[in-house]
PDB file of N, CA and C in Angstrom:
ATOM      1  N   UNK A   1      85.276 140.048 111.056  1.00  0.00           N
ATOM      2  CA  UNK A   1      84.967 138.970 110.353  1.00  0.00           C
ATOM      3  C   UNK A   1      85.970 137.970 110.362  1.00  0.00           C
ATOM      4  N   UNK A   2      85.530 136.651 110.713  1.00  0.00           N
ATOM      5  CA  UNK A   2      86.516 136.029 110.577  1.00  0.00           C
ATOM      6  C   UNK A   2      86.845 135.050 108.692  1.00  0.00           C
ATOM      7  N   UNK A   3      88.179 135.179 109.368  1.00  0.00           N
ATOM      8  CA  UNK A   3      89.081 134.585 107.209  1.00  0.00           C
ATOM      9  C   UNK A   3      88.580 132.568 107.802  1.00  0.00           C
ATOM     10  N   UNK A   4      89.396 132.828 106.698  1.00  0.00           N
ATOM     11  CA  UNK A   4      88.665 130.478 106.407  1.00  0.00           C
ATOM     12  C   UNK A   4      89.676 130.470 107.494  1.00  0.00           C
ATOM     13  N   UNK A   5      90.587 131.599 107.137  1.00  0.00           N
ATOM     14  CA  UNK A   5      92.119 130.520 108.592  1.00  0.00           C
ATOM     15  C   UNK A   5      91.501 130.038 109.903  1.00  0.00           C
ATOM     16  N   UNK A   6      90.650 131.049 109.920  1.00  0.00           N
ATOM     17  CA  UNK A   6      90.170 130.818 111.641  1.00  0.00           C
ATOM     18  C   UNK A   6      89.056 129.927 111.818  1.00  0.00           C
ATOM     19  N   UNK A   7      88.323 129.945 110.737  1.00  0.00           N
ATOM     20  CA  UNK A   7      87.211 128.602 110.562  1.00  0.00           C
ATOM     21  C   UNK A   7      88.124 126.971 110.134  1.00  0.00           C
ATOM     22  N   UNK A   8      88.906 127.722 109.918  1.00  0.00           N
ATOM     23  CA  UNK A   8      89.906 125.759 109.604  1.00  0.00           C
ATOM     24  C   UNK A   8      91.024 125.166 110.846  1.00  0.00           C
ATOM     25  N   UNK A   9      91.271 124.132 110.253  1.00  0.00           N
ATOM     26  CA  UNK A   9      92.347 123.904 111.600  1.00  0.00           C
ATOM     27  C   UNK A   9      93.168 123.266 110.808  1.00  0.00           C
ATOM     28  N   UNK A  10      94.470 124.232 110.139  1.00  0.00           N
ATOM     29  CA  UNK A  10      95.471 123.993 109.168  1.00  0.00           C
ATOM     30  C   UNK A  10      96.231 123.289 109.930  1.00  0.00           C
ATOM     31  N   UNK A  11      96.740 121.635 108.947  1.00  0.00           N
ATOM     32  CA  UNK A  11      98.046 121.057 109.643  1.00  0.00           C
ATOM     33  C   UNK A  11      98.802 121.022 109.092  1.00  0.00           C
ATOM     34  N   UNK A  12      99.930 121.401 108.613  1.00  0.00           N
ATOM     35  CA  UNK A  12     100.919 121.424 107.744  1.00  0.00           C
ATOM     36  C   UNK A  12     102.096 120.240 108.025  1.00  0.00           C
ATOM     37  N   UNK A  13     101.615 119.257 106.592  1.00  0.00           N
ATOM     38  CA  UNK A  13     103.304 118.605 106.834  1.00  0.00           C
ATOM     39  C   UNK A  13     103.848 118.366 105.781  1.00  0.00           C
ATOM     40  N   UNK A  14     104.961 118.593 105.812  1.00  0.00           N
ATOM     41  CA  UNK A  14     106.148 117.913 104.706  1.00  0.00           C
ATOM     42  C   UNK A  14     107.376 117.069 104.095  1.00  0.00           C
ATOM     43  N   UNK A  15     106.458 116.102 104.985  1.00  0.00           N
ATOM     44  CA  UNK A  15     107.316 115.079 104.923  1.00  0.00           C
ATOM     45  C   UNK A  15     105.904 113.824 104.670  1.00  0.00           C
ATOM     46  N   UNK A  16     106.029 112.570 104.603  1.00  0.00           N
ATOM     47  CA  UNK A  16     104.907 111.216 104.356  1.00  0.00           C
ATOM     48  C   UNK A  16     105.224 111.085 106.348  1.00  0.00           C
ATOM     49  N   UNK A  17     105.816 110.889 106.434  1.00  0.00           N
ATOM     50  CA  UNK A  17     105.829 110.890 108.348  1.00  0.00           C
ATOM     51  C   UNK A  17     104.901 111.759 108.985  1.00  0.00           C
ATOM     52  N   UNK A  18     104.720 112.857 108.734  1.00  0.00           N
ATOM     53  CA  UNK A  18     104.285 114.294 109.115  1.00  0.00           C
ATOM     54  C   UNK A  18     102.534 113.735 108.557  1.00  0.00           C
ATOM     55  N   UNK A  19     102.613 113.470 107.240  1.00  0.00           N
ATOM     56  CA  UNK A  19     101.448 113.601 106.633  1.00  0.00           C
ATOM     57  C   UNK A  19     100.855 111.996 107.523  1.00  0.00           C
ATOM     58  N   UNK A  20     101.286 110.993 107.919  1.00  0.00           N
ATOM     59  CA  UNK A  20     101.043 110.074 108.235  1.00  0.00           C
ATOM     60  C   UNK A  20     100.079 110.030 110.130  1.00  0.00           C
ATOM     61  N   UNK A  21     101.046 111.332 110.103  1.00  0.00           N
ATOM     62  CA  UNK A  21     100.372 111.349 111.859  1.00  0.00           C
ATOM     63  C   UNK A  21      99.194 112.382 112.395  1.00  0.00           C
ATOM     64  N   UNK A  22      99.562 113.113 110.825  1.00  0.00           N
ATOM     65  CA  UNK A  22      97.849 114.256 110.717  1.00  0.00           C
ATOM     66  C   UNK A  22      96.926 113.559 110.225  1.00  0.00           C
ATOM     67  N   UNK A  23      96.785 111.969 109.313  1.00  0.00           N
ATOM     68  CA  UNK A  23      95.688 111.538 109.095  1.00  0.00           C
ATOM     69  C   UNK A  23      95.179 110.719 110.581  1.00  0.00           C
ATOM     70  N   UNK A  24      96.366 110.060 111.547  1.00  0.00           N
ATOM     71  CA  UNK A  24      96.041 109.742 112.347  1.00  0.00           C
ATOM     72  C   UNK A  24      95.382 109.849 113.324  1.00  0.00           C
ATOM     73  N   UNK A  25      95.903 111.457 114.275  1.00  0.00           N
ATOM     74  CA  UNK A  25      95.209 112.752 114.689  1.00  0.00           C
ATOM     75  C   UNK A  25      94.102 112.821 113.709  1.00  0.00           C
ATOM     76  N   UNK A  26      93.444 113.070 112.710  1.00  0.00           N
ATOM     77  CA  UNK A  26      92.614 113.283 111.986  1.00  0.00           C
ATOM     78  C   UNK A  26      91.492 111.831 112.794  1.00  0.00           C
ATOM     79  N   UNK A  27      92.106 110.928 112.682  1.00  0.00           N
ATOM     80  CA  UNK A  27      90.968 109.707 112.557  1.00  0.00           C
ATOM     81  C   UNK A  27      91.079 109.311 114.140  1.00  0.00           C
ATOM     82  N   UNK A  28      91.534 109.343 115.174  1.00  0.00           N
ATOM     83  CA  UNK A  28      91.120 109.689 116.506  1.00  0.00           C
ATOM     84  C   UNK A  28      90.194 110.881 116.403  1.00  0.00           C
ATOM     85  N   UNK A  29      90.455 112.342 116.354  1.00  0.00           N
ATOM     86  CA  UNK A  29      89.379 112.779 116.451  1.00  0.00           C
ATOM     87  C   UNK A  29      87.734 112.421 116.277  1.00  0.00           C
ATOM     88  N   UNK A  30      88.221 111.939 115.045  1.00  0.00           N
ATOM     89  CA  UNK A  30      86.615 111.821 114.697  1.00  0.00           C
ATOM     90  C   UNK A  30      86.594 110.357 115.393  1.00  0.00           C
ATOM     91  N   UNK A  31      87.181 110.451 116.388  1.00  0.00           N
ATOM     92  CA  UNK A  31      86.290 108.257 116.838  1.00  0.00           C
ATOM     93  C   UNK A  31      86.641 106.908 115.931  1.00  0.00           C
ATOM     94  N   UNK A  32      87.813 106.837 115.176  1.00  0.00           N
ATOM     95  CA  UNK A  32      86.998 106.036 113.568  1.00  0.00           C
ATOM     96  C   UNK A  32      88.740 104.866 114.927  1.00  0.00           C
ATOM     97  N   UNK A  33      88.030 103.664 113.879  1.00  0.00           N
ATOM     98  CA  UNK A  33      89.450 102.804 114.226  1.00  0.00           C
ATOM     99  C   UNK A  33      89.918 103.304 112.957  1.00  0.00           C
ATOM    100  N   UNK A  34      91.625 102.451 113.103  1.00  0.00           N
ATOM    101  CA  UNK A  34      91.656 101.632 111.505  1.00  0.00           C
ATOM    102  C   UNK A  34      91.399 101.470 111.061  1.00  0.00           C
ATOM    103  N   UNK A  35      90.265 100.065 110.838  1.00  0.00           N
ATOM    104  CA  UNK A  35      89.223  99.528 110.155  1.00  0.00           C
ATOM    105  C   UNK A  35      88.505 100.198 110.047  1.00  0.00           C
ATOM    106  N   UNK A  36      87.474 101.396 110.622  1.00  0.00           N
ATOM    107  CA  UNK A  36      86.803 101.973 110.384  1.00  0.00           C
ATOM    108  C   UNK A  36      87.148 102.316 108.727  1.00  0.00           C
ATOM    109  N   UNK A  37      88.428 103.105 109.220  1.00  0.00           N
ATOM    110  CA  UNK A  37      88.290 104.685 108.247  1.00  0.00           C
ATOM    111  C   UNK A  37      89.058 104.039 107.176  1.00  0.00           C
ATOM    112  N   UNK A  38      89.433 102.223 106.897  1.00  0.00           N
ATOM    113  CA  UNK A  38      89.896 101.408 105.678  1.00  0.00           C
ATOM    114  C   UNK A  38      88.687 100.709 104.812  1.00  0.00           C
ATOM    115  N   UNK A  39      87.990 101.155 106.104  1.00  0.00           N
ATOM    116  CA  UNK A  39      86.463 100.232 105.364  1.00  0.00           C
ATOM    117  C   UNK A  39      85.600 101.735 104.211  1.00  0.00           C
ATOM    118  N   UNK A  40      85.988 102.701 105.086  1.00  0.00           N
ATOM    119  CA  UNK A  40      85.039 104.063 104.352  1.00  0.00           C
ATOM    120  C   UNK A  40      86.020 104.560 103.441  1.00  0.00           C
ATOM    121  N   UNK A  41      87.392 104.595 103.357  1.00  0.00           N
ATOM    122  CA  UNK A  41      88.054 104.525 101.993  1.00  0.00           C
ATOM    123  C   UNK A  41      88.852 103.713 101.278  1.00  0.00           C
ATOM    124  N   UNK A  42      88.019 102.338 101.759  1.00  0.00           N
ATOM    125  CA  UNK A  42      88.149 101.679 100.200  1.00  0.00           C
ATOM    126  C   UNK A  42      89.892 100.961 100.330  1.00  0.00           C
ATOM    127  N   UNK A  43      90.265 100.698 101.543  1.00  0.00           N
ATOM    128  CA  UNK A  43      91.796 100.480 101.762  1.00  0.00           C
ATOM    129  C   UNK A  43      92.154  99.285 102.522  1.00  0.00           C
ATOM    130  N   UNK A  44      93.094  99.112 102.715  1.00  0.00           N
ATOM    131  CA  UNK A  44      93.004  98.103 103.468  1.00  0.00           C
ATOM    132  C   UNK A  44      93.662  98.455 104.668  1.00  0.00           C
ATOM    133  N   UNK A  45      93.277  98.044 105.889  1.00  0.00           N
ATOM    134  CA  UNK A  45      93.683  98.551 107.402  1.00  0.00           C
ATOM    135  C   UNK A  45      95.164  98.220 107.344  1.00  0.00           C
ATOM    136  N   UNK A  46      96.087  97.378 106.922  1.00  0.00           N
ATOM    137  CA  UNK A  46      97.152  97.573 106.945  1.00  0.00           C
ATOM    138  C   UNK A  46      98.190  98.864 106.077  1.00  0.00           C
ATOM    139  N   UNK A  47      97.859  98.940 104.970  1.00  0.00           N
ATOM    140  CA  UNK A  47      97.413 100.463 104.518  1.00  0.00           C
ATOM    141  C   UNK A  47      97.186 101.323 105.318  1.00  0.00           C
ATOM    142  N   UNK A  48      96.151 101.615 105.659  1.00  0.00           N
ATOM    143  CA  UNK A  48      96.292 102.529 106.791  1.00  0.00           C
ATOM    144  C   UNK A  48      97.474 102.356 108.385  1.00  0.00           C
ATOM    145  N   UNK A  49      97.769 101.722 109.123  1.00  0.00           N
ATOM    146  CA  UNK A  49      98.761 101.432 110.033  1.00  0.00           C
ATOM    147  C   UNK A  49      99.879 101.944 108.903  1.00  0.00           C
ATOM    148  N   UNK A  50     100.740 100.975 107.911  1.00  0.00           N
ATOM    149  CA  UNK A  50     101.730 102.026 107.331  1.00  0.00           C
ATOM    150  C   UNK A  50     101.411 103.330 107.362  1.00  0.00           C
ATOM    151  N   UNK A  51     101.025 103.655 106.182  1.00  0.00           N
ATOM    152  CA  UNK A  51     100.912 105.064 106.363  1.00  0.00           C
ATOM    153  C   UNK A  51     101.090 105.857 107.479  1.00  0.00           C
ATOM    154  N   UNK A  52     100.012 105.621 108.775  1.00  0.00           N
ATOM    155  CA  UNK A  52     100.236 106.496 109.812  1.00  0.00           C
ATOM    156  C   UNK A  52     101.270 106.225 110.308  1.00  0.00           C
ATOM    157  N   UNK A  53     102.292 104.791 110.300  1.00  0.00           N
ATOM    158  CA  UNK A  53     103.315 105.277 110.872  1.00  0.00           C
ATOM    159  C   UNK A  53     104.434 105.617 110.270  1.00  0.00           C
ATOM    160  N   UNK A  54     104.465 106.131 109.126  1.00  0.00           N
ATOM    161  CA  UNK A  54     105.705 107.046 107.703  1.00  0.00           C
ATOM    162  C   UNK A  54     105.956 105.102 107.041  1.00  0.00           C
ATOM    163  N   UNK A  55     106.175 105.080 107.377  1.00  0.00           N
ATOM    164  CA  UNK A  55     106.678 103.088 106.770  1.00  0.00           C
ATOM    165  C   UNK A  55     105.549 102.765 105.445  1.00  0.00           C
ATOM    166  N   UNK A  56     105.043 104.410 104.872  1.00  0.00           N
ATOM    167  CA  UNK A  56     104.827 103.602 103.461  1.00  0.00           C
ATOM    168  C   UNK A  56     104.984 103.974 102.423  1.00  0.00           C
ATOM    169  N   UNK A  57     105.993 104.398 101.367  1.00  0.00           N
ATOM    170  CA  UNK A  57     106.891 104.996 100.273  1.00  0.00           C
ATOM    171  C   UNK A  57     105.841 104.828  99.358  1.00  0.00           C
ATOM    172  N   UNK A  58     106.405 105.751  98.894  1.00  0.00           N
ATOM    173  CA  UNK A  58     105.277 106.230  97.233  1.00  0.00           C
ATOM    174  C   UNK A  58     104.074 105.835  97.494  1.00  0.00           C
ATOM    175  N   UNK A  59     103.405 106.906  97.797  1.00  0.00           N
ATOM    176  CA  UNK A  59     101.188 106.666  98.708  1.00  0.00           C
ATOM    177  C   UNK A  59     101.328 107.377  97.722  1.00  0.00           C
ATOM    178  N   UNK A  60      99.658 106.564  97.063  1.00  0.00           N
ATOM    179  CA  UNK A  60      99.627 107.032  95.463  1.00  0.00           C
ATOM    180  C   UNK A  60      98.361 108.634  96.029  1.00  0.00           C
ATOM    181  N   UNK A  61      98.454 109.563  95.054  1.00  0.00           N
ATOM    182  CA  UNK A  61      97.788 110.367  95.869  1.00  0.00           C
ATOM    183  C   UNK A  61      95.905 109.688  96.295  1.00  0.00           C
ATOM    184  N   UNK A  62      95.834 109.276  94.763  1.00  0.00           N
ATOM    185  CA  UNK A  62      94.628 108.800  94.675  1.00  0.00           C
ATOM    186  C   UNK A  62      93.530 108.512  95.860  1.00  0.00           C
ATOM    187  N   UNK A  63      95.036 107.607  95.963  1.00  0.00           N
ATOM    188  CA  UNK A  63      94.626 106.957  97.900  1.00  0.00           C
ATOM    189  C   UNK A  63      94.317 107.844  99.061  1.00  0.00           C
ATOM    190  N   UNK A  64      95.312 108.581  99.257  1.00  0.00           N
ATOM    191  CA  UNK A  64      95.528 109.600 100.106  1.00  0.00           C
ATOM    192  C   UNK A  64      94.588 110.762  99.558  1.00  0.00           C
ATOM    193  N   UNK A  65      93.683 111.015  99.038  1.00  0.00           N
ATOM    194  CA  UNK A  65      92.717 111.738  98.726  1.00  0.00           C
ATOM    195  C   UNK A  65      91.664 110.732  98.830  1.00  0.00           C
ATOM    196  N   UNK A  66      91.215 109.624  99.218  1.00  0.00           N
ATOM    197  CA  UNK A  66      89.913 108.545  99.755  1.00  0.00           C
ATOM    198  C   UNK A  66      90.132 108.884 100.934  1.00  0.00           C
ATOM    199  N   UNK A  67      91.189 108.713 101.612  1.00  0.00           N
ATOM    200  CA  UNK A  67      91.063 108.208 103.470  1.00  0.00           C
ATOM    201  C   UNK A  67      90.872 110.031 103.433  1.00  0.00           C
ATOM    202  N   UNK A  68      91.639 110.550 103.109  1.00  0.00           N
ATOM    203  CA  UNK A  68      91.665 112.474 103.443  1.00  0.00           C
ATOM    204  C   UNK A  68      89.692 112.591 102.884  1.00  0.00           C
ATOM    205  N   UNK A  69      89.380 112.120 102.449  1.00  0.00           N
ATOM    206  CA  UNK A  69      87.914 112.191 102.108  1.00  0.00           C
ATOM    207  C   UNK A  69      87.031 112.077 102.743  1.00  0.00           C
ATOM    208  N   UNK A  70      87.174 110.214 103.401  1.00  0.00           N
ATOM    209  CA  UNK A  70      86.701 109.718 104.664  1.00  0.00           C
ATOM    210  C   UNK A  70      86.927 110.212 105.768  1.00  0.00           C
ATOM    211  N   UNK A  71      87.244 110.814 105.506  1.00  0.00           N
ATOM    212  CA  UNK A  71      87.606 112.006 107.479  1.00  0.00           C
ATOM    213  C   UNK A  71      87.171 113.242 107.190  1.00  0.00           C
ATOM    214  N   UNK A  72      86.695 113.431 105.461  1.00  0.00           N
ATOM    215  CA  UNK A  72      85.991 114.426 105.799  1.00  0.00           C
ATOM    216  C   UNK A  72      86.943 115.673 105.990  1.00  0.00           C
ATOM    217  N   UNK A  73      88.129 115.835 105.557  1.00  0.00           N
ATOM    218  CA  UNK A  73      88.976 116.319 105.310  1.00  0.00           C
ATOM    219  C   UNK A  73      89.459 116.491 103.856  1.00  0.00           C
ATOM    220  N   UNK A  74      90.316 117.726 103.649  1.00  0.00           N
ATOM    221  CA  UNK A  74      90.627 118.177 102.541  1.00  0.00           C
ATOM    222  C   UNK A  74      92.609 118.367 102.352  1.00  0.00           C
ATOM    223  N   UNK A  75      93.237 118.403 100.839  1.00  0.00           N
ATOM    224  CA  UNK A  75      94.118 118.552 101.015  1.00  0.00           C
ATOM    225  C   UNK A  75      94.765 120.168 100.453  1.00  0.00           C
ATOM    226  N   UNK A  76      95.029 120.448 100.793  1.00  0.00           N
ATOM    227  CA  UNK A  76      96.039 121.757 100.388  1.00  0.00           C
ATOM    228  C   UNK A  76      96.669 121.945 100.379  1.00  0.00           C
ATOM    229  N   UNK A  77      97.420 122.834  98.812  1.00  0.00           N
ATOM    230  CA  UNK A  77      99.132 123.034  98.680  1.00  0.00           C
ATOM    231  C   UNK A  77      99.267 124.389  98.568  1.00  0.00           C
ATOM    232  N   UNK A  78      99.993 124.855  99.528  1.00  0.00           N
ATOM    233  CA  UNK A  78     100.392 126.329  99.880  1.00  0.00           C
ATOM    234  C   UNK A  78     101.982 126.872  98.659  1.00  0.00           C
ATOM    235  N   UNK A  79     102.394 127.001  98.317  1.00  0.00           N
ATOM    236  CA  UNK A  79     103.804 127.999  97.577  1.00  0.00           C
ATOM    237  C   UNK A  79     104.053 128.562  99.073  1.00  0.00           C
ATOM    238  N   UNK A  80     104.760 127.908  99.178  1.00  0.00           N
ATOM    239  CA  UNK A  80     106.292 128.101 100.147  1.00  0.00           C
ATOM    240  C   UNK A  80     107.248 129.407  99.562  1.00  0.00           C
ATOM    241  N   UNK A  81     107.423 129.018  98.641  1.00  0.00           N
ATOM    242  CA  UNK A  81     107.564 130.377  97.620  1.00  0.00           C
ATOM    243  C   UNK A  81     107.737 131.477  97.640  1.00  0.00           C
ATOM    244  N   UNK A  82     106.432 131.805  97.867  1.00  0.00           N
ATOM    245  CA  UNK A  82     105.438 133.272  97.535  1.00  0.00           C
ATOM    246  C   UNK A  82     105.867 133.327  99.419  1.00  0.00           C
ATOM    247  N   UNK A  83     105.987 132.501 100.129  1.00  0.00           N
ATOM    248  CA  UNK A  83     105.851 132.667 101.503  1.00  0.00           C
ATOM    249  C   UNK A  83     106.444 133.180 101.524  1.00  0.00           C
ATOM    250  N   UNK A  84     108.206 132.692 100.874  1.00  0.00           N
ATOM    251  CA  UNK A  84     109.031 133.036 101.599  1.00  0.00           C
ATOM    252  C   UNK A  84     109.717 134.643 100.854  1.00  0.00           C
ATOM    253  N   UNK A  85     109.198 134.809 100.125  1.00  0.00           N
ATOM    254  CA  UNK A  85     109.439 136.406  99.184  1.00  0.00           C
ATOM    255  C   UNK A  85     109.290 137.463 100.256  1.00  0.00           C
ATOM    256  N   UNK A  86     107.924 136.979 100.313  1.00  0.00           N
ATOM    257  CA  UNK A  86     106.907 138.044 101.622  1.00  0.00           C
ATOM    258  C   UNK A  86     107.243 138.345 103.078  1.00  0.00           C
ATOM    259  N   UNK A  87     108.769 137.910 103.085  1.00  0.00           N
ATOM    260  CA  UNK A  87     109.416 137.743 104.372  1.00  0.00           C
ATOM    261  C   UNK A  87     110.360 138.843 104.650  1.00  0.00           C
TER     262      UNK A  87
END
């Protein structure tokens, strides 16, 4: 029997630049331009560019959630403290 982790692509991002790269990869995988993603998410193309390049400081979580929703992706928060304790 497959587990949830086997059925989804999990990408770990610990920094804003890593999150930006993840968003870019998801956008590319879906064949969307930056302008198309921006329109779907209700943000500017310049905002998408800045996020993808890791240059956007102090990201608003609500905007990131809208972008992820436009990409049919979600955000998962994992408690690494529990994972460290199991090692």
